[in-house]
C-alpha atoms as a PDB file:
ATOM      1  CA  MET A   1     292.598  99.809 171.541  1.00  0.00           C
ATOM      2  CA  GLU A   2     290.243  99.175 174.434  1.00  0.00           C
ATOM      3  CA  LEU A   3     288.911 102.309 176.101  1.00  0.00           C
ATOM      4  CA  ALA A   4     289.894 100.938 179.496  1.00  0.00           C
ATOM      5  CA  ASP A   5     293.487 101.414 178.335  1.00  0.00           C
ATOM      6  CA  ALA A   6     292.862 104.843 176.801  1.00  0.00           C
ATOM      7  CA  THR A   7     293.847 108.356 177.787  1.00  0.00           C
ATOM      8  CA  ILE A   8     291.034 110.610 176.596  1.00  0.00           C
ATOM      9  CA  LEU A   9     291.116 114.396 176.501  1.00  0.00           C
ATOM     10  CA  VAL A  10     287.648 115.956 176.676  1.00  0.00           C
ATOM     11  CA  THR A  11     287.485 119.662 175.890  1.00  0.00           C
ATOM     12  CA  GLY A  12     284.473 121.751 176.855  1.00  0.00           C
ATOM     13  CA  ALA A  13     284.056 119.418 179.812  1.00  0.00           C
ATOM     14  CA  GLU A  14     281.952 121.962 181.682  1.00  0.00           C
ATOM     15  CA  SER A  15     279.213 121.790 179.028  1.00  0.00           C
ATOM     16  CA  ALA A  16     276.259 119.456 179.534  1.00  0.00           C
ATOM     17  CA  ILE A  17     277.376 117.011 176.837  1.00  0.00           C
ATOM     18  CA  GLY A  18     281.037 117.323 177.818  1.00  0.00           C
ATOM     19  CA  SER A  19     280.271 116.600 181.459  1.00  0.00           C
ATOM     20  CA  ALA A  20     278.108 113.602 180.608  1.00  0.00           C
ATOM     21  CA  THR A  21     280.861 112.294 178.337  1.00  0.00           C
ATOM     22  CA  VAL A  22     283.485 112.571 181.077  1.00  0.00           C
ATOM     23  CA  LYS A  23     281.269 110.554 183.430  1.00  0.00           C
ATOM     24  CA  GLU A  24     280.447 107.931 180.803  1.00  0.00           C
ATOM     25  CA  LEU A  25     284.068 107.386 179.781  1.00  0.00           C
ATOM     26  CA  THR A  26     285.357 107.399 183.350  1.00  0.00           C
ATOM     27  CA  ALA A  27     282.776 104.786 184.302  1.00  0.00           C
ATOM     28  CA  GLY A  28     284.197 102.602 181.533  1.00  0.00           C
ATOM     29  CA  GLY A  29     287.662 102.702 183.082  1.00  0.00           C
ATOM     30  CA  ALA A  30     289.380 105.192 180.797  1.00  0.00           C
ATOM     31  CA  ARG A  31     291.780 107.822 182.056  1.00  0.00           C
ATOM     32  CA  VAL A  32     289.848 110.976 181.242  1.00  0.00           C
ATOM     33  CA  VAL A  33     291.366 114.451 181.265  1.00  0.00           C
ATOM     34  CA  PRO A  34     288.619 117.101 181.346  1.00  0.00           C
ATOM     35  CA  VAL A  35     289.484 120.653 180.282  1.00  0.00           C
ATOM     36  CA  GLY A  36     287.579 123.812 179.430  1.00  0.00           C
ATOM     37  CA  GLU A  37     287.381 125.773 176.230  1.00  0.00           C
ATOM     38  CA  ILE A  38     290.295 125.617 173.756  1.00  0.00           C
ATOM     39  CA  ASP A  39     289.789 128.836 171.817  1.00  0.00           C
ATOM     40  CA  THR A  40     293.340 130.108 172.341  1.00  0.00           C
ATOM     41  CA  ALA A  41     296.726 128.614 171.509  1.00  0.00           C
ATOM     42  CA  GLY A  42     297.683 128.696 175.179  1.00  0.00           C
ATOM     43  CA  ALA A  43     294.557 126.813 176.216  1.00  0.00           C
ATOM     44  CA  ARG A  44     295.172 124.124 173.599  1.00  0.00           C
ATOM     45  CA  ALA A  45     298.816 123.695 174.623  1.00  0.00           C
ATOM     46  CA  ALA A  46     297.880 123.484 178.303  1.00  0.00           C
ATOM     47  CA  ALA A  47     295.210 120.893 177.552  1.00  0.00           C
ATOM     48  CA  LEU A  48     297.656 118.657 175.705  1.00  0.00           C
ATOM     49  CA  GLU A  49     300.255 119.025 178.443  1.00  0.00           C
ATOM     50  CA  ARG A  50     297.719 117.653 180.898  1.00  0.00           C
ATOM     51  CA  ALA A  51     297.211 114.514 178.797  1.00  0.00           C
ATOM     52  CA  PRO A  52     300.551 112.751 178.248  1.00  0.00           C
ATOM     53  CA  GLY A  53     300.115 109.513 176.342  1.00  0.00           C
ATOM     54  CA  LEU A  54     296.984 110.835 174.658  1.00  0.00           C
ATOM     55  CA  THR A  55     295.086 108.194 172.671  1.00  0.00           C
ATOM     56  CA  HIS A  56     291.626 109.707 172.120  1.00  0.00           C
ATOM     57  CA  LEU A  57     290.071 113.158 171.901  1.00  0.00           C
ATOM     58  CA  VAL A  58     286.570 114.563 172.305  1.00  0.00           C
ATOM     59  CA  VAL A  59     286.072 118.186 171.274  1.00  0.00           C
ATOM     60  CA  ALA A  60     282.888 119.329 173.018  1.00  0.00           C
ATOM     61  CA  GLY A  61     281.622 122.635 174.328  1.00  0.00           C
ATOM     62  CA  GLY A  62     281.102 125.874 172.530  1.00  0.00           C
ATOM     63  CA  SER A  63     277.722 127.600 172.734  1.00  0.00           C
ATOM     64  CA  SER A  64     275.429 128.404 169.814  1.00  0.00           C
ATOM     65  CA  PRO A  65     275.034 132.179 170.086  1.00  0.00           C
ATOM     66  CA  SER A  66     272.015 133.504 168.259  1.00  0.00           C
ATOM     67  CA  CYS A  67     271.754 136.675 166.226  1.00  0.00           C
ATOM     68  CA  PRO A  68     269.055 137.629 163.709  1.00  0.00           C
ATOM     69  CA  LEU A  69     270.325 137.294 160.172  1.00  0.00           C
ATOM     70  CA  ASP A  70     269.989 140.997 159.374  1.00  0.00           C
ATOM     71  CA  GLU A  71     271.803 141.996 162.575  1.00  0.00           C
ATOM     72  CA  VAL A  72     274.967 139.934 162.115  1.00  0.00           C
ATOM     73  CA  THR A  73     278.123 142.008 162.455  1.00  0.00           C
ATOM     74  CA  LEU A  74     281.684 141.244 161.501  1.00  0.00           C
ATOM     75  CA  GLU A  75     282.488 141.015 165.207  1.00  0.00           C
ATOM     76  CA  HIS A  76     279.782 138.388 165.733  1.00  0.00           C
ATOM     77  CA  TRP A  77     281.044 136.414 162.739  1.00  0.00           C
ATOM     78  CA  HIS A  78     284.628 136.436 164.015  1.00  0.00           C
ATOM     79  CA  GLU A  79     283.565 135.561 167.558  1.00  0.00           C
ATOM     80  CA  VAL A  80     281.582 132.517 166.489  1.00  0.00           C
ATOM     81  CA  PHE A  81     284.098 131.202 163.952  1.00  0.00           C
ATOM     82  CA  THR A  82     286.985 131.710 166.378  1.00  0.00           C
ATOM     83  CA  ALA A  83     285.242 129.753 169.119  1.00  0.00           C
ATOM     84  CA  GLN A  84     283.946 127.043 166.804  1.00  0.00           C
ATOM     85  CA  ALA A  85     285.752 126.287 163.530  1.00  0.00           C
ATOM     86  CA  GLN A  86     289.096 127.946 164.292  1.00  0.00           C
ATOM     87  CA  ALA A  87     289.431 126.384 167.732  1.00  0.00           C
ATOM     88  CA  LEU A  88     288.521 122.966 166.350  1.00  0.00           C
ATOM     89  CA  PHE A  89     290.973 123.137 163.453  1.00  0.00           C
ATOM     90  CA  PHE A  90     293.969 124.031 165.580  1.00  0.00           C
ATOM     91  CA  MET A  91     293.025 121.514 168.272  1.00  0.00           C
ATOM     92  CA  LEU A  92     292.945 118.743 165.671  1.00  0.00           C
ATOM     93  CA  GLN A  93     296.104 120.028 164.046  1.00  0.00           C
ATOM     94  CA  ALA A  94     297.936 119.788 167.370  1.00  0.00           C
ATOM     95  CA  ALA A  95     296.398 116.581 168.712  1.00  0.00           C
ATOM     96  CA  CYS A  96     296.019 114.232 165.746  1.00  0.00           C
ATOM     97  CA  PRO A  97     299.784 113.768 165.193  1.00  0.00           C
ATOM     98  CA  LEU A  98     300.030 112.600 168.812  1.00  0.00           C
ATOM     99  CA  LEU A  99     297.424 109.856 168.532  1.00  0.00           C
ATOM    100  CA  PRO A 100     298.572 106.251 168.077  1.00  0.00           C
ATOM    101  CA  PRO A 101     297.101 103.729 165.643  1.00  0.00           C
ATOM    102  CA  GLY A 102     293.717 102.797 167.070  1.00  0.00           C
ATOM    103  CA  GLY A 103     293.200 106.300 168.402  1.00  0.00           C
ATOM    104  CA  ALA A 104     290.055 108.240 167.636  1.00  0.00           C
ATOM    105  CA  VAL A 105     288.496 111.690 167.739  1.00  0.00           C
ATOM    106  CA  VAL A 106     284.867 112.753 168.113  1.00  0.00           C
ATOM    107  CA  ASN A 107     283.850 116.333 167.397  1.00  0.00           C
ATOM    108  CA  VAL A 108     280.597 117.507 168.962  1.00  0.00           C
ATOM    109  CA  THR A 109     278.720 119.845 166.653  1.00  0.00           C
ATOM    110  CA  SER A 110     275.180 120.563 165.516  1.00  0.00           C
ATOM    111  CA  VAL A 111     272.828 119.333 162.821  1.00  0.00           C
ATOM    112  CA  ALA A 112     272.450 123.039 162.037  1.00  0.00           C
ATOM    113  CA  GLY A 113     275.615 122.529 160.003  1.00  0.00           C
ATOM    114  CA  LYS A 114     273.576 120.334 157.654  1.00  0.00           C
ATOM    115  CA  THR A 115     270.282 122.217 157.627  1.00  0.00           C
ATOM    116  CA  GLY A 116     270.819 125.953 158.194  1.00  0.00           C
ATOM    117  CA  ARG A 117     267.099 126.189 158.910  1.00  0.00           C
ATOM    118  CA  SER A 118     267.086 128.739 161.725  1.00  0.00           C
ATOM    119  CA  PRO A 119     267.941 132.296 160.634  1.00  0.00           C
ATOM    120  CA  GLU A 120     268.694 133.206 164.250  1.00  0.00           C
ATOM    121  CA  VAL A 121     271.806 131.011 164.192  1.00  0.00           C
ATOM    122  CA  THR A 122     272.995 131.504 160.619  1.00  0.00           C
ATOM    123  CA  VAL A 123     276.606 132.154 161.581  1.00  0.00           C
ATOM    124  CA  TYR A 124     276.701 129.292 164.066  1.00  0.00           C
ATOM    125  CA  SER A 125     275.223 126.996 161.402  1.00  0.00           C
ATOM    126  CA  ALA A 126     278.003 128.021 159.023  1.00  0.00           C
ATOM    127  CA  SER A 127     280.623 127.298 161.676  1.00  0.00           C
ATOM    128  CA  ALA A 128     279.038 123.880 162.313  1.00  0.00           C
ATOM    129  CA  ALA A 129     279.231 123.148 158.570  1.00  0.00           C
ATOM    130  CA  ALA A 130     282.925 124.061 158.747  1.00  0.00           C
ATOM    131  CA  ALA A 131     283.345 121.643 161.665  1.00  0.00           C
ATOM    132  CA  LEU A 132     281.875 118.842 159.566  1.00  0.00           C
ATOM    133  CA  SER A 133     284.219 119.672 156.700  1.00  0.00           C
ATOM    134  CA  LEU A 134     287.180 119.627 159.091  1.00  0.00           C
ATOM    135  CA  THR A 135     286.045 116.256 160.425  1.00  0.00           C
ATOM    136  CA  ARG A 136     286.170 114.799 156.920  1.00  0.00           C
ATOM    137  CA  SER A 137     289.508 116.431 156.120  1.00  0.00           C
ATOM    138  CA  PHE A 138     291.257 115.122 159.239  1.00  0.00           C
ATOM    139  CA  ALA A 139     289.678 111.682 158.802  1.00  0.00           C
ATOM    140  CA  ASN A 140     291.165 111.525 155.306  1.00  0.00           C
ATOM    141  CA  ALA A 141     294.519 112.878 156.436  1.00  0.00           C
ATOM    142  CA  TYR A 142     295.009 110.492 159.359  1.00  0.00           C
ATOM    143  CA  GLY A 143     293.188 107.372 158.236  1.00  0.00           C
ATOM    144  CA  SER A 144     296.379 105.834 156.869  1.00  0.00           C
ATOM    145  CA  ARG A 145     297.841 106.106 160.367  1.00  0.00           C
ATOM    146  CA  GLY A 146     294.933 104.188 161.879  1.00  0.00           C
ATOM    147  CA  VAL A 147     293.383 107.255 163.514  1.00  0.00           C
ATOM    148  CA  ARG A 148     289.645 107.768 163.090  1.00  0.00           C
ATOM    149  CA  VAL A 149     287.853 111.137 163.178  1.00  0.00           C
ATOM    150  CA  ASN A 150     284.068 111.435 163.401  1.00  0.00           C
ATOM    151  CA  ALA A 151     281.468 113.950 164.518  1.00  0.00           C
ATOM    152  CA  ILE A 152     278.097 113.864 166.190  1.00  0.00           C
ATOM    153  CA  CYS A 153     275.449 116.315 165.004  1.00  0.00           C
ATOM    154  CA  THR A 154     273.107 117.146 167.838  1.00  0.00           C
ATOM    155  CA  GLY A 155     269.545 118.297 167.439  1.00  0.00           C
ATOM    156  CA  VAL A 156     267.337 119.347 170.336  1.00  0.00           C
ATOM    157  CA  ILE A 157     269.174 118.256 173.478  1.00  0.00           C
ATOM    158  CA  GLU A 158     268.168 119.016 177.074  1.00  0.00           C
ATOM    159  CA  THR A 159     270.889 121.514 177.984  1.00  0.00           C
ATOM    160  CA  PRO A 160     271.046 125.020 179.458  1.00  0.00           C
ATOM    161  CA  ASP A 161     272.294 126.235 176.081  1.00  0.00           C
ATOM    162  CA  ASN A 162     269.143 124.896 174.421  1.00  0.00           C
ATOM    163  CA  GLU A 163     266.964 126.655 177.003  1.00  0.00           C
ATOM    164  CA  ARG A 164     268.770 129.925 176.328  1.00  0.00           C
ATOM    165  CA  TYR A 165     268.341 129.443 172.585  1.00  0.00           C
ATOM    166  CA  LEU A 166     264.605 128.903 172.976  1.00  0.00           C
ATOM    167  CA  ARG A 167     264.239 132.107 174.989  1.00  0.00           C
ATOM    168  CA  GLU A 168     266.209 134.113 172.435  1.00  0.00           C
ATOM    169  CA  VAL A 169     264.303 132.714 169.456  1.00  0.00           C
ATOM    170  CA  ALA A 170     260.963 133.302 171.147  1.00  0.00           C
ATOM    171  CA  ALA A 171     261.918 136.917 171.793  1.00  0.00           C
ATOM    172  CA  THR A 172     263.097 137.420 168.206  1.00  0.00           C
ATOM    173  CA  ARG A 173     259.913 135.929 166.771  1.00  0.00           C
ATOM    174  CA  SER A 174     257.612 137.715 169.267  1.00  0.00           C
ATOM    175  CA  THR A 175     256.204 134.435 170.507  1.00  0.00           C
ATOM    176  CA  THR A 176     256.535 132.226 173.578  1.00  0.00           C
ATOM    177  CA  VAL A 177     259.037 129.564 174.543  1.00  0.00           C
ATOM    178  CA  GLU A 178     256.162 127.085 174.756  1.00  0.00           C
ATOM    179  CA  GLU A 179     255.093 127.776 171.170  1.00  0.00           C
ATOM    180  CA  VAL A 180     258.637 127.487 169.843  1.00  0.00           C
ATOM    181  CA  THR A 181     259.128 124.244 171.773  1.00  0.00           C
ATOM    182  CA  ALA A 182     255.859 122.753 170.522  1.00  0.00           C
ATOM    183  CA  LYS A 183     256.757 123.561 166.924  1.00  0.00           C
ATOM    184  CA  ARG A 184     260.191 121.973 167.270  1.00  0.00           C
ATOM    185  CA  PHE A 185     258.870 118.805 168.888  1.00  0.00           C
ATOM    186  CA  GLY A 186     256.262 118.585 166.143  1.00  0.00           C
ATOM    187  CA  GLN A 187     259.124 118.167 163.660  1.00  0.00           C
ATOM    188  CA  ILE A 188     260.832 115.377 165.646  1.00  0.00           C
ATOM    189  CA  PRO A 189     259.484 111.867 164.940  1.00  0.00           C
ATOM    190  CA  LEU A 190     260.414 110.680 168.446  1.00  0.00           C
ATOM    191  CA  GLY A 191     258.576 113.693 169.849  1.00  0.00           C
ATOM    192  CA  ARG A 192     261.074 114.653 172.513  1.00  0.00           C
ATOM    193  CA  ALA A 193     264.445 116.189 173.212  1.00  0.00           C
ATOM    194  CA  GLY A 194     267.544 114.064 173.536  1.00  0.00           C
ATOM    195  CA  THR A 195     269.692 113.932 176.648  1.00  0.00           C
ATOM    196  CA  PRO A 196     273.390 114.595 177.238  1.00  0.00           C
ATOM    197  CA  LEU A 197     273.745 110.976 178.360  1.00  0.00           C
ATOM    198  CA  GLU A 198     272.427 109.716 175.032  1.00  0.00           C
ATOM    199  CA  CYS A 199     275.019 111.884 173.288  1.00  0.00           C
ATOM    200  CA  ALA A 200     277.768 110.590 175.592  1.00  0.00           C
ATOM    201  CA  ARG A 201     276.919 106.979 174.814  1.00  0.00           C
ATOM    202  CA  VAL A 202     277.192 107.563 171.068  1.00  0.00           C
ATOM    203  CA  ILE A 203     280.507 109.342 171.632  1.00  0.00           C
ATOM    204  CA  ARG A 204     281.768 106.362 173.639  1.00  0.00           C
ATOM    205  CA  HIS A 205     280.763 104.005 170.831  1.00  0.00           C
ATOM    206  CA  LEU A 206     282.529 106.081 168.171  1.00  0.00           C
ATOM    207  CA  LEU A 207     285.712 106.159 170.252  1.00  0.00           C
ATOM    208  CA  SER A 208     285.636 102.409 170.848  1.00  0.00           C
ATOM    209  CA  ASP A 209     286.939  99.565 168.734  1.00  0.00           C
ATOM    210  CA  ASP A 210     283.304  98.628 168.021  1.00  0.00           C
ATOM    211  CA  ALA A 211     283.350 101.556 165.565  1.00  0.00           C
ATOM    212  CA  GLY A 212     286.728 100.572 164.155  1.00  0.00           C
ATOM    213  CA  TYR A 213     285.603 100.895 160.515  1.00  0.00           C
ATOM    214  CA  VAL A 214     283.803 104.209 160.997  1.00  0.00           C
ATOM    215  CA  THR A 215     285.608 107.426 160.120  1.00  0.00           C
ATOM    216  CA  GLY A 216     284.808 110.730 158.457  1.00  0.00           C
ATOM    217  CA  GLN A 217     281.160 110.426 159.453  1.00  0.00           C
ATOM    218  CA  ALA A 218     278.672 112.906 160.927  1.00  0.00           C
ATOM    219  CA  ILE A 219     276.234 110.936 163.078  1.00  0.00           C
ATOM    220  CA  ASN A 220     272.865 112.591 163.712  1.00  0.00           C
ATOM    221  CA  LEU A 221     271.382 112.649 167.207  1.00  0.00           C
ATOM    222  CA  THR A 222     268.121 114.348 166.324  1.00  0.00           C
ATOM    223  CA  GLY A 223     265.302 111.938 167.153  1.00  0.00           C
ATOM    224  CA  GLY A 224     264.708 111.526 163.435  1.00  0.00           C
ATOM    225  CA  PHE A 225     264.406 115.264 162.728  1.00  0.00           C
ATOM    226  CA  HIS A 226     267.226 115.004 160.209  1.00  0.00           C
ATOM    227  CA  ASN A 227     268.088 111.688 158.585  1.00  0.00           C
ATOM    228  CA  TYR A 228     270.976 112.235 156.201  1.00  0.00           C
END
């Protein structure tokens, strides 16, 4: 199915990556339906009602709230998993049966789900790992119907959420944003942050027929920081 003929629902469209994805897909001629967060049943139902004839789905948005490992509360755990893994599961549960053969889904999550390296985002990392597991499960469940489900795993991307994260980590570690940034870039072979547009272009590729034999995958956008 060509994307010019597609109806694509993009959740979290107000986020930096979500917004860039809406622009990229619209420029390619697709009918794009941008919506906000989908962390409640009502929000998910309303989103699907706005996208009759749905063929593709991008689940973006959702911040990465930080909390030192030894300060995590049950409330923080529930908040993060509700907004991340729970919202994703029930969005896929509702949307995947609607997609036609040739349809596709891309879930936007973080490479933290593979690494768990930063103790300040332990719970978020766990929720990202859950998102990757859900991606594989739905890819297996709907592959026989010709529906593909993949994820992108972002690393350091130039977004307001990343700037907030840097400030919070610097405060937790009693250091400066500049020092945290320099250390992170020192671990990235390409030596820079990625951009929302670069994420959007990979999302467009995964939705397109050019990726017609790709499903159940978690594609890294990390500048080489993580390579498996």
